[in-house]
Amino acid sequence: MSATMQGTFQSLADATTGTATLEVNESGAVLQLEDMSTGPGKDLRVMLSPGTLAARAGGELEVSSTKMIEIGPFRAGATQRFVMDSQMWTAMEEPVRSVLIYDYSAKNTRGAAALSDQK
């Protein structure tokens, strides 16, 4: 069984652009980030979340879940690839619905890409 999900980053705490493609297969999953850009930060990480993007009362977007699992550091550069083996992938108890760029030092989400199935 394999599946591919894709999403475009929306800016949250800082201007963030790019796309995320998550390919799930028998041996785990691969996350590919392309055309990525966000503001500078001391401790930026790439996270997976079961949450989706939802508008708050004021109209700003926020992630609907506080649950996150870290898959690696966010490195400067347009394209990044993260490979998760089946053990790491199956450790996630809920379906992954979004990819986040999280800033540990500021404790906020710079940007998020809500994933949808690709046909």
N, C-alpha and C. Protein backbone atom coordinates (compact mmCIF):
# COMPACT_ATOMS: atom_id res chain seq x y z
N MET A 1 0.84 -1.19 0.00
CA MET A 1 0.00 0.00 0.00
C MET A 1 0.88 1.24 0.00
N SER A 2 0.65 2.12 -0.93
CA SER A 2 1.38 3.37 -0.92
C SER A 2 0.40 4.51 -1.16
N ALA A 3 0.77 5.67 -0.65
CA ALA A 3 -0.08 6.85 -0.80
C ALA A 3 0.81 8.08 -0.86
N THR A 4 0.36 9.08 -1.58
CA THR A 4 1.09 10.34 -1.65
C THR A 4 0.15 11.46 -1.26
N MET A 5 0.64 12.32 -0.35
CA MET A 5 -0.12 13.49 0.08
C MET A 5 0.74 14.72 -0.16
N GLN A 6 0.10 15.83 -0.48
CA GLN A 6 0.84 17.04 -0.78
C GLN A 6 0.13 18.26 -0.22
N GLY A 7 0.91 19.29 0.11
CA GLY A 7 0.34 20.53 0.60
C GLY A 7 1.27 21.70 0.36
N THR A 8 0.71 22.90 0.35
CA THR A 8 1.47 24.13 0.19
C THR A 8 1.52 24.84 1.53
N PHE A 9 2.70 25.34 1.90
CA PHE A 9 2.85 26.01 3.19
C PHE A 9 2.08 27.33 3.23
N GLN A 10 1.41 27.55 4.36
CA GLN A 10 0.74 28.80 4.68
C GLN A 10 1.53 29.46 5.81
N SER A 11 1.71 30.76 5.74
CA SER A 11 2.45 31.47 6.77
C SER A 11 1.62 31.56 8.05
N LEU A 12 2.26 31.30 9.19
CA LEU A 12 1.59 31.47 10.49
C LEU A 12 2.36 32.53 11.27
N ALA A 13 3.39 32.15 12.04
CA ALA A 13 4.12 33.13 12.84
C ALA A 13 5.13 33.93 12.01
N ASP A 14 5.50 33.44 10.83
CA ASP A 14 6.48 34.14 9.99
C ASP A 14 6.19 33.77 8.54
N ALA A 15 6.60 34.62 7.62
CA ALA A 15 6.39 34.34 6.20
C ALA A 15 7.08 33.03 5.84
N THR A 16 6.31 32.05 5.39
CA THR A 16 6.82 30.72 5.06
C THR A 16 6.21 30.28 3.74
N THR A 17 7.06 29.82 2.83
CA THR A 17 6.58 29.35 1.53
C THR A 17 7.24 28.02 1.19
N GLY A 18 6.60 27.28 0.31
CA GLY A 18 7.14 26.01 -0.15
C GLY A 18 6.05 24.97 -0.23
N THR A 19 6.44 23.75 -0.66
CA THR A 19 5.49 22.65 -0.72
C THR A 19 6.06 21.44 -0.01
N ALA A 20 5.16 20.62 0.51
CA ALA A 20 5.52 19.38 1.19
C ALA A 20 4.85 18.23 0.46
N THR A 21 5.62 17.17 0.20
CA THR A 21 5.08 15.95 -0.39
C THR A 21 5.45 14.79 0.52
N LEU A 22 4.46 14.05 0.97
CA LEU A 22 4.67 12.91 1.86
C LEU A 22 4.27 11.64 1.11
N GLU A 23 5.25 10.76 0.92
CA GLU A 23 4.99 9.49 0.26
C GLU A 23 5.09 8.38 1.29
N VAL A 24 4.00 7.64 1.46
CA VAL A 24 3.95 6.54 2.42
C VAL A 24 4.01 5.23 1.63
N ASN A 25 4.88 4.31 2.08
CA ASN A 25 4.99 3.02 1.41
C ASN A 25 5.22 1.93 2.45
N GLU A 26 5.47 0.71 2.00
CA GLU A 26 5.62 -0.43 2.92
C GLU A 26 6.78 -0.24 3.89
N SER A 27 7.83 0.46 3.47
CA SER A 27 9.01 0.58 4.32
C SER A 27 9.02 1.83 5.19
N GLY A 28 7.95 2.62 5.16
CA GLY A 28 7.88 3.82 5.99
C GLY A 28 7.31 4.99 5.21
N ALA A 29 8.01 6.12 5.26
CA ALA A 29 7.53 7.32 4.57
C ALA A 29 8.71 8.22 4.24
N VAL A 30 8.52 9.03 3.21
CA VAL A 30 9.53 10.02 2.80
C VAL A 30 8.83 11.36 2.69
N LEU A 31 9.40 12.38 3.35
CA LEU A 31 8.88 13.74 3.26
C LEU A 31 9.85 14.56 2.44
N GLN A 32 9.33 15.18 1.39
CA GLN A 32 10.14 16.05 0.53
C GLN A 32 9.61 17.46 0.66
N LEU A 33 10.49 18.41 1.03
CA LEU A 33 10.14 19.82 1.09
C LEU A 33 10.80 20.51 -0.10
N GLU A 34 10.05 21.32 -0.83
CA GLU A 34 10.59 21.98 -2.02
C GLU A 34 10.27 23.46 -2.00
N ASP A 35 11.18 24.24 -2.59
CA ASP A 35 11.03 25.71 -2.70
C ASP A 35 10.77 26.35 -1.35
N MET A 36 11.47 25.84 -0.31
CA MET A 36 11.20 26.29 1.06
C MET A 36 11.89 27.61 1.40
N SER A 37 11.16 28.42 2.15
CA SER A 37 11.70 29.67 2.67
C SER A 37 10.91 30.06 3.91
N THR A 38 11.64 30.48 4.96
CA THR A 38 10.99 31.04 6.15
C THR A 38 11.99 31.99 6.78
N GLY A 39 11.54 32.79 7.74
CA GLY A 39 12.43 33.74 8.39
C GLY A 39 13.51 33.02 9.19
N PRO A 40 14.60 33.73 9.54
CA PRO A 40 15.67 33.11 10.32
C PRO A 40 15.19 32.72 11.72
N GLY A 41 15.77 31.67 12.26
CA GLY A 41 15.42 31.22 13.60
C GLY A 41 16.57 30.45 14.20
N LYS A 42 16.62 30.37 15.52
CA LYS A 42 17.72 29.68 16.21
C LYS A 42 17.54 28.17 16.21
N ASP A 43 16.31 27.68 16.28
CA ASP A 43 16.08 26.25 16.48
C ASP A 43 14.83 25.81 15.74
N LEU A 44 14.92 25.80 14.40
CA LEU A 44 13.76 25.44 13.58
C LEU A 44 13.75 23.94 13.33
N ARG A 45 12.58 23.32 13.47
CA ARG A 45 12.42 21.88 13.28
C ARG A 45 11.26 21.60 12.34
N VAL A 46 11.35 20.45 11.68
CA VAL A 46 10.26 19.98 10.82
C VAL A 46 9.45 18.99 11.65
N MET A 47 8.14 19.22 11.73
CA MET A 47 7.25 18.40 12.54
C MET A 47 6.11 17.87 11.67
N LEU A 48 5.59 16.72 12.08
CA LEU A 48 4.35 16.20 11.50
C LEU A 48 3.26 16.33 12.55
N SER A 49 2.03 16.61 12.11
CA SER A 49 0.94 16.82 13.05
C SER A 49 -0.35 16.19 12.51
N PRO A 50 -1.20 15.69 13.43
CA PRO A 50 -2.52 15.22 13.00
C PRO A 50 -3.49 16.38 12.78
N GLY A 51 -3.07 17.58 13.12
CA GLY A 51 -3.95 18.75 13.01
C GLY A 51 -4.07 19.25 11.59
N THR A 52 -5.11 20.04 11.35
CA THR A 52 -5.31 20.70 10.07
C THR A 52 -5.30 22.20 10.32
N LEU A 53 -5.30 22.98 9.26
CA LEU A 53 -5.34 24.43 9.41
C LEU A 53 -6.78 24.89 9.53
N ALA A 54 -7.03 25.71 10.54
CA ALA A 54 -8.38 26.23 10.78
C ALA A 54 -8.26 27.71 11.13
N ALA A 55 -9.27 28.49 10.77
CA ALA A 55 -9.27 29.91 11.08
C ALA A 55 -9.78 30.14 12.50
N ARG A 56 -9.05 30.98 13.24
CA ARG A 56 -9.52 31.39 14.57
C ARG A 56 -10.58 32.46 14.41
N ALA A 57 -11.14 32.88 15.53
CA ALA A 57 -12.20 33.90 15.50
C ALA A 57 -11.74 35.16 14.78
N GLY A 58 -10.48 35.55 14.96
CA GLY A 58 -9.97 36.77 14.32
C GLY A 58 -9.60 36.58 12.86
N GLY A 59 -9.72 35.35 12.35
CA GLY A 59 -9.41 35.10 10.96
C GLY A 59 -8.02 34.53 10.71
N GLU A 60 -7.12 34.59 11.74
CA GLU A 60 -5.79 34.04 11.55
C GLU A 60 -5.87 32.52 11.52
N LEU A 61 -4.96 31.93 10.76
CA LEU A 61 -4.92 30.47 10.71
C LEU A 61 -4.16 29.92 11.91
N GLU A 62 -4.58 28.75 12.36
CA GLU A 62 -3.86 28.04 13.41
C GLU A 62 -4.00 26.54 13.13
N VAL A 63 -3.10 25.76 13.73
CA VAL A 63 -3.15 24.31 13.58
C VAL A 63 -4.12 23.78 14.63
N SER A 64 -5.01 22.87 14.22
CA SER A 64 -6.10 22.42 15.09
C SER A 64 -5.67 21.43 16.17
N SER A 65 -4.41 21.00 16.17
CA SER A 65 -3.92 20.07 17.19
C SER A 65 -2.58 20.55 17.72
N THR A 66 -2.34 20.32 19.00
CA THR A 66 -1.03 20.67 19.57
C THR A 66 -0.07 19.49 19.51
N LYS A 67 -0.55 18.33 19.06
CA LYS A 67 0.32 17.16 18.96
C LYS A 67 1.27 17.32 17.77
N MET A 68 2.54 16.99 18.00
CA MET A 68 3.54 17.07 16.93
C MET A 68 4.56 15.98 17.16
N ILE A 69 5.16 15.50 16.06
CA ILE A 69 6.29 14.60 16.18
C ILE A 69 7.41 15.17 15.31
N GLU A 70 8.59 15.32 15.90
CA GLU A 70 9.71 15.92 15.19
C GLU A 70 10.36 14.90 14.27
N ILE A 71 10.65 15.32 13.03
CA ILE A 71 11.34 14.41 12.12
C ILE A 71 12.72 14.91 11.73
N GLY A 72 13.09 16.13 12.15
CA GLY A 72 14.44 16.59 11.88
C GLY A 72 14.55 18.10 11.90
N PRO A 73 15.79 18.58 11.83
CA PRO A 73 16.00 20.03 11.81
C PRO A 73 15.63 20.62 10.46
N PHE A 74 15.12 21.85 10.49
CA PHE A 74 14.86 22.58 9.24
C PHE A 74 16.16 23.25 8.85
N ARG A 75 16.67 22.90 7.70
CA ARG A 75 17.93 23.47 7.23
C ARG A 75 17.65 24.52 6.17
N ALA A 76 18.48 25.54 6.18
CA ALA A 76 18.36 26.55 5.12
C ALA A 76 18.61 25.86 3.79
N GLY A 77 17.82 26.18 2.82
CA GLY A 77 17.96 25.55 1.51
C GLY A 77 16.59 25.22 0.97
N ALA A 78 16.46 25.27 -0.34
CA ALA A 78 15.15 25.15 -0.95
C ALA A 78 14.56 23.76 -0.87
N THR A 79 15.39 22.70 -0.97
CA THR A 79 14.88 21.33 -1.02
C THR A 79 15.45 20.51 0.13
N GLN A 80 14.59 19.81 0.83
CA GLN A 80 15.02 18.95 1.94
C GLN A 80 14.25 17.65 1.86
N ARG A 81 14.89 16.57 2.31
CA ARG A 81 14.28 15.24 2.24
C ARG A 81 14.49 14.54 3.58
N PHE A 82 13.40 13.96 4.10
CA PHE A 82 13.44 13.24 5.37
C PHE A 82 12.89 11.84 5.14
N VAL A 83 13.67 10.83 5.50
CA VAL A 83 13.25 9.44 5.32
C VAL A 83 12.93 8.86 6.69
N MET A 84 11.73 8.29 6.82
CA MET A 84 11.30 7.67 8.08
C MET A 84 11.12 6.18 7.84
N ASP A 85 11.79 5.36 8.65
CA ASP A 85 11.61 3.92 8.50
C ASP A 85 10.24 3.53 9.06
N SER A 86 9.86 2.26 8.85
CA SER A 86 8.51 1.85 9.25
C SER A 86 8.29 1.97 10.75
N GLN A 87 9.35 1.75 11.55
CA GLN A 87 9.21 1.86 13.00
C GLN A 87 8.89 3.30 13.41
N MET A 88 9.59 4.27 12.83
CA MET A 88 9.32 5.67 13.15
C MET A 88 7.94 6.08 12.64
N TRP A 89 7.61 5.64 11.42
CA TRP A 89 6.33 6.02 10.83
C TRP A 89 5.15 5.45 11.62
N THR A 90 5.24 4.17 12.02
CA THR A 90 4.13 3.55 12.74
C THR A 90 4.05 4.01 14.19
N ALA A 91 5.07 4.72 14.70
CA ALA A 91 5.02 5.27 16.06
C ALA A 91 3.99 6.40 16.16
N MET A 92 3.61 6.96 15.02
CA MET A 92 2.61 8.02 15.02
C MET A 92 1.24 7.39 15.15
N GLU A 93 0.54 7.76 16.23
CA GLU A 93 -0.72 7.10 16.55
C GLU A 93 -1.90 7.64 15.75
N GLU A 94 -1.78 8.85 15.23
CA GLU A 94 -2.89 9.44 14.49
C GLU A 94 -2.45 9.71 13.06
N PRO A 95 -3.39 9.79 12.12
CA PRO A 95 -3.01 10.11 10.74
C PRO A 95 -2.34 11.48 10.65
N VAL A 96 -1.32 11.58 9.82
CA VAL A 96 -0.64 12.86 9.61
C VAL A 96 -1.47 13.68 8.64
N ARG A 97 -1.83 14.89 9.06
CA ARG A 97 -2.64 15.77 8.21
C ARG A 97 -1.89 17.04 7.81
N SER A 98 -0.75 17.34 8.49
CA SER A 98 -0.01 18.54 8.12
C SER A 98 1.46 18.44 8.50
N VAL A 99 2.26 19.27 7.82
CA VAL A 99 3.69 19.40 8.08
C VAL A 99 3.91 20.80 8.61
N LEU A 100 4.68 20.92 9.70
CA LEU A 100 4.90 22.22 10.35
C LEU A 100 6.38 22.57 10.34
N ILE A 101 6.67 23.86 10.26
CA ILE A 101 8.01 24.37 10.55
C ILE A 101 7.86 25.03 11.92
N TYR A 102 8.47 24.42 12.93
CA TYR A 102 8.28 24.85 14.33
C TYR A 102 9.56 25.49 14.85
N ASP A 103 9.42 26.59 15.56
CA ASP A 103 10.55 27.31 16.15
C ASP A 103 10.56 27.04 17.66
N TYR A 104 11.50 26.18 18.10
CA TYR A 104 11.59 25.85 19.52
C TYR A 104 11.93 27.06 20.37
N SER A 105 12.83 27.94 19.89
CA SER A 105 13.24 29.08 20.71
C SER A 105 12.08 30.06 20.93
N ALA A 106 11.23 30.26 19.92
CA ALA A 106 10.10 31.18 20.06
C ALA A 106 8.81 30.45 20.44
N LYS A 107 8.86 29.11 20.45
CA LYS A 107 7.69 28.28 20.77
C LYS A 107 6.47 28.63 19.90
N ASN A 108 6.72 28.71 18.57
CA ASN A 108 5.60 28.96 17.67
C ASN A 108 5.80 28.21 16.36
N THR A 109 4.74 28.10 15.61
CA THR A 109 4.78 27.44 14.31
C THR A 109 4.93 28.52 13.25
N ARG A 110 6.05 28.46 12.51
CA ARG A 110 6.33 29.46 11.47
C ARG A 110 5.35 29.33 10.31
N GLY A 111 5.12 28.08 9.90
CA GLY A 111 4.24 27.84 8.77
C GLY A 111 3.78 26.40 8.80
N ALA A 112 2.69 26.12 8.09
CA ALA A 112 2.13 24.77 8.06
C ALA A 112 1.60 24.47 6.67
N ALA A 113 1.76 23.21 6.28
CA ALA A 113 1.19 22.74 5.01
C ALA A 113 0.19 21.64 5.32
N ALA A 114 -1.09 21.91 5.04
CA ALA A 114 -2.12 20.89 5.21
C ALA A 114 -2.00 19.93 4.04
N LEU A 115 -1.97 18.64 4.35
CA LEU A 115 -1.77 17.62 3.32
C LEU A 115 -3.10 17.09 2.80
N SER A 116 -3.16 16.88 1.50
CA SER A 116 -4.33 16.23 0.92
C SER A 116 -3.84 15.14 -0.03
N ASP A 117 -4.66 14.12 -0.21
CA ASP A 117 -4.30 12.99 -1.05
C ASP A 117 -4.14 13.42 -2.49
N GLN A 118 -3.12 12.85 -3.12
CA GLN A 118 -2.89 13.10 -4.55
C GLN A 118 -3.39 11.90 -5.34
N LYS A 119 -4.04 12.17 -6.43
CA LYS A 119 -4.55 11.08 -7.26
C LYS A 119 -3.50 10.67 -8.28
